[in-house]
């Protein structure tokens, strides 16, 4: 219990306000929780923790074999969803072609997976920091239909309209 209070003080940088939970049975962290806690304790930002734990197609087998914690990309989530029999999932935004990809070849594995894996992804577009025209061109080349729901414009994650058209749009939902 004293360790909990000491850690709380250390984390907050001050004495905690309000009542502390009553002492109870000892709680043990799983190795995965300990890994995240180590990263946070070392002062890593949320973004750095996510990057350290990021899992895409190439990382899944290794992470599973090592029993490591991971934050899945859209590509990895599609693979796991397909294996679990999940046909549709929603996400904030997909990856895409990065600006300057002509020199860096930095293209998200999400785009290849959208062409490869039979899972429908509902997203608020690609991240706005990407090269959106090249992202849509890549998806077209790979045969991935980009549809809008109640819109004929491609969204850019936080922005409703990137100024770019989608291939087609749906007015109503459909059921199987």
Protein backbone atom coordinates (compact mmCIF):
# COMPACT_ATOMS: atom_id res chain seq x y z
CA UNK A 1 0.00 0.00 0.00
CA UNK A 2 2.81 2.36 0.85
CA UNK A 3 4.27 1.69 -2.59
CA UNK A 4 0.98 2.66 -4.24
CA UNK A 5 0.85 5.94 -2.33
CA UNK A 6 4.53 6.65 -3.11
CA UNK A 7 3.96 5.92 -6.84
CA UNK A 8 0.83 8.10 -6.88
CA UNK A 9 2.74 10.99 -5.31
CA UNK A 10 5.59 10.50 -7.76
CA UNK A 11 3.27 10.36 -10.77
CA UNK A 12 1.24 13.41 -9.75
CA UNK A 13 4.25 15.37 -8.52
CA UNK A 14 2.23 16.29 -5.44
CA UNK A 15 0.14 14.86 -2.66
CA UNK A 16 -3.05 13.26 -4.06
CA UNK A 17 -6.31 15.09 -3.30
CA UNK A 18 -9.44 13.25 -2.31
CA UNK A 19 -9.71 9.84 -0.76
CA UNK A 20 -7.32 7.10 -1.81
CA UNK A 21 -8.71 3.64 -2.47
CA UNK A 22 -8.64 1.31 0.49
CA UNK A 23 -5.82 -1.22 0.53
CA UNK A 24 -6.83 -4.47 -1.07
CA UNK A 25 -5.27 -7.59 -2.49
CA UNK A 26 -2.01 -7.10 -4.38
CA UNK A 27 -2.47 -6.40 -8.07
CA UNK A 28 0.11 -7.75 -10.44
CA UNK A 29 0.74 -6.26 -13.86
CA UNK A 30 0.83 -8.51 -16.87
CA UNK A 31 4.07 -8.34 -18.88
CA UNK A 32 2.20 -6.30 -21.49
CA UNK A 33 0.95 -3.78 -18.95
CA UNK A 34 4.46 -3.55 -17.50
CA UNK A 35 5.86 -2.82 -20.97
CA UNK A 36 3.49 0.13 -21.42
CA UNK A 37 4.16 1.35 -17.90
CA UNK A 38 7.94 1.24 -18.51
CA UNK A 39 7.54 3.39 -21.62
CA UNK A 40 5.33 5.90 -19.81
CA UNK A 41 7.63 5.96 -16.77
CA UNK A 42 10.57 6.79 -19.04
CA UNK A 43 8.67 9.90 -20.11
CA UNK A 44 7.62 8.79 -23.59
CA UNK A 45 4.70 10.71 -25.10
CA UNK A 46 1.49 8.97 -26.16
CA UNK A 47 2.70 9.19 -29.77
CA UNK A 48 6.06 7.60 -28.88
CA UNK A 49 4.36 4.81 -26.92
CA UNK A 50 2.03 4.13 -29.85
CA UNK A 51 4.98 4.09 -32.28
CA UNK A 52 6.90 1.68 -30.04
CA UNK A 53 3.90 -0.64 -29.90
CA UNK A 54 2.77 -0.22 -33.53
CA UNK A 55 1.94 -3.49 -35.27
CA UNK A 56 1.36 -3.82 -38.99
CA UNK A 57 1.30 -6.88 -41.28
CA UNK A 58 5.04 -7.50 -40.95
CA UNK A 59 4.95 -7.35 -37.12
CA UNK A 60 1.98 -9.57 -36.20
CA UNK A 61 3.69 -12.98 -36.20
CA UNK A 62 6.69 -11.74 -34.21
CA UNK A 63 4.49 -9.94 -31.66
CA UNK A 64 2.30 -13.01 -31.16
CA UNK A 65 5.33 -15.31 -30.84
CA UNK A 66 6.91 -12.95 -28.30
CA UNK A 67 3.55 -12.35 -26.54
CA UNK A 68 4.10 -8.60 -26.98
CA UNK A 69 1.56 -5.85 -26.62
CA UNK A 70 0.76 -3.92 -29.77
CA UNK A 71 -1.39 -1.19 -31.23
CA UNK A 72 -2.60 -2.43 -34.59
CA UNK A 73 -2.61 -0.37 -37.75
CA UNK A 74 -5.58 -0.59 -40.09
CA UNK A 75 -3.65 -3.20 -42.10
CA UNK A 76 -3.07 -5.42 -39.06
CA UNK A 77 -6.63 -4.93 -37.84
CA UNK A 78 -7.93 -6.06 -41.24
CA UNK A 79 -5.88 -9.25 -41.05
CA UNK A 80 -7.02 -10.07 -37.53
CA UNK A 81 -10.63 -9.20 -38.40
CA UNK A 82 -10.55 -11.51 -41.44
CA UNK A 83 -9.14 -14.34 -39.31
CA UNK A 84 -11.92 -13.77 -36.76
CA UNK A 85 -14.64 -13.73 -39.43
CA UNK A 86 -15.36 -10.01 -38.99
CA UNK A 87 -16.36 -8.54 -42.35
CA UNK A 88 -16.65 -4.81 -41.50
CA UNK A 89 -14.94 -2.54 -39.01
CA UNK A 90 -14.68 1.20 -38.45
CA UNK A 91 -11.60 3.29 -37.77
CA UNK A 92 -10.66 6.94 -37.54
CA UNK A 93 -8.51 7.18 -40.63
CA UNK A 94 -6.43 5.04 -42.93
CA UNK A 95 -2.78 5.53 -43.78
CA UNK A 96 -1.79 6.50 -47.28
CA UNK A 97 0.93 7.84 -49.53
CA UNK A 98 3.18 10.21 -47.59
CA UNK A 99 4.26 13.54 -49.04
CA UNK A 100 7.62 13.08 -50.73
CA UNK A 101 6.98 9.36 -51.29
CA UNK A 102 8.68 9.68 -54.67
CA UNK A 103 11.98 9.88 -52.79
CA UNK A 104 11.19 8.04 -49.54
CA UNK A 105 8.84 5.32 -50.87
CA UNK A 106 6.83 5.87 -47.65
CA UNK A 107 3.47 4.32 -48.43
CA UNK A 108 1.30 2.88 -45.67
CA UNK A 109 0.75 -0.88 -45.66
CA UNK A 110 -2.94 -0.04 -45.10
CA UNK A 111 -3.33 0.63 -48.83
CA UNK A 112 -1.97 -2.75 -49.90
CA UNK A 113 -4.11 -4.50 -47.29
CA UNK A 114 -7.24 -2.74 -48.52
CA UNK A 115 -6.58 -4.37 -51.89
CA UNK A 116 -5.63 -7.76 -50.46
CA UNK A 117 -7.96 -8.58 -47.56
CA UNK A 118 -11.73 -9.10 -47.87
CA UNK A 119 -12.77 -6.82 -45.02
CA UNK A 120 -14.71 -3.59 -45.49
CA UNK A 121 -13.20 -0.61 -43.68
CA UNK A 122 -15.38 2.36 -42.77
CA UNK A 123 -13.15 5.37 -42.13
CA UNK A 124 -13.17 9.14 -41.98
CA UNK A 125 -10.81 9.21 -44.95
CA UNK A 126 -7.03 9.21 -44.95
CA UNK A 127 -5.02 11.33 -42.57
CA UNK A 128 -4.91 14.91 -43.85
CA UNK A 129 -1.11 15.16 -43.54
CA UNK A 130 -0.75 12.63 -46.37
CA UNK A 131 -0.67 13.21 -50.10
CA UNK A 132 -4.38 12.60 -50.64
CA UNK A 133 -4.45 12.74 -54.48
CA UNK A 134 -1.63 10.18 -54.63
CA UNK A 135 -3.36 8.05 -51.98
CA UNK A 136 -6.54 7.93 -54.07
CA UNK A 137 -4.50 7.20 -57.20
CA UNK A 138 -2.76 4.32 -55.42
CA UNK A 139 -6.11 2.89 -54.27
CA UNK A 140 -7.45 3.17 -57.84
CA UNK A 141 -4.40 1.37 -59.21
CA UNK A 142 -4.87 -1.41 -56.65
CA UNK A 143 -8.55 -1.77 -57.55
CA UNK A 144 -9.91 -0.54 -54.21
CA UNK A 145 -13.29 1.19 -54.53
CA UNK A 146 -13.52 4.36 -52.44
CA UNK A 147 -17.14 5.07 -51.63
CA UNK A 148 -18.73 7.88 -49.67
CA UNK A 149 -21.78 7.56 -47.44
CA UNK A 150 -24.12 10.46 -48.14
CA UNK A 151 -21.25 12.33 -49.81
CA UNK A 152 -19.49 12.34 -53.15
CA UNK A 153 -16.34 13.89 -51.66
CA UNK A 154 -13.38 12.16 -50.02
CA UNK A 155 -12.97 13.20 -46.37
CA UNK A 156 -9.58 14.05 -44.91
CA UNK A 157 -9.85 12.61 -41.40
CA UNK A 158 -10.80 15.75 -39.43
CA UNK A 159 -12.10 17.54 -42.52
CA UNK A 160 -15.38 16.52 -44.12
CA UNK A 161 -14.33 17.42 -47.66
CA UNK A 162 -10.80 17.16 -49.01
CA UNK A 163 -11.94 18.60 -52.34
CA UNK A 164 -11.36 15.21 -54.00
CA UNK A 165 -14.15 13.02 -55.39
CA UNK A 166 -14.93 9.43 -54.39
CA UNK A 167 -15.68 6.71 -56.94
CA UNK A 168 -19.31 6.44 -55.87
CA UNK A 169 -21.55 7.27 -52.98
CA UNK A 170 -24.24 5.54 -51.00
CA UNK A 171 -27.38 7.38 -49.98
CA UNK A 172 -28.87 4.68 -47.77
CA UNK A 173 -27.46 1.72 -45.91
CA UNK A 174 -28.07 -1.74 -47.21
CA UNK A 175 -28.64 -5.05 -45.45
CA UNK A 176 -27.80 -8.55 -46.51
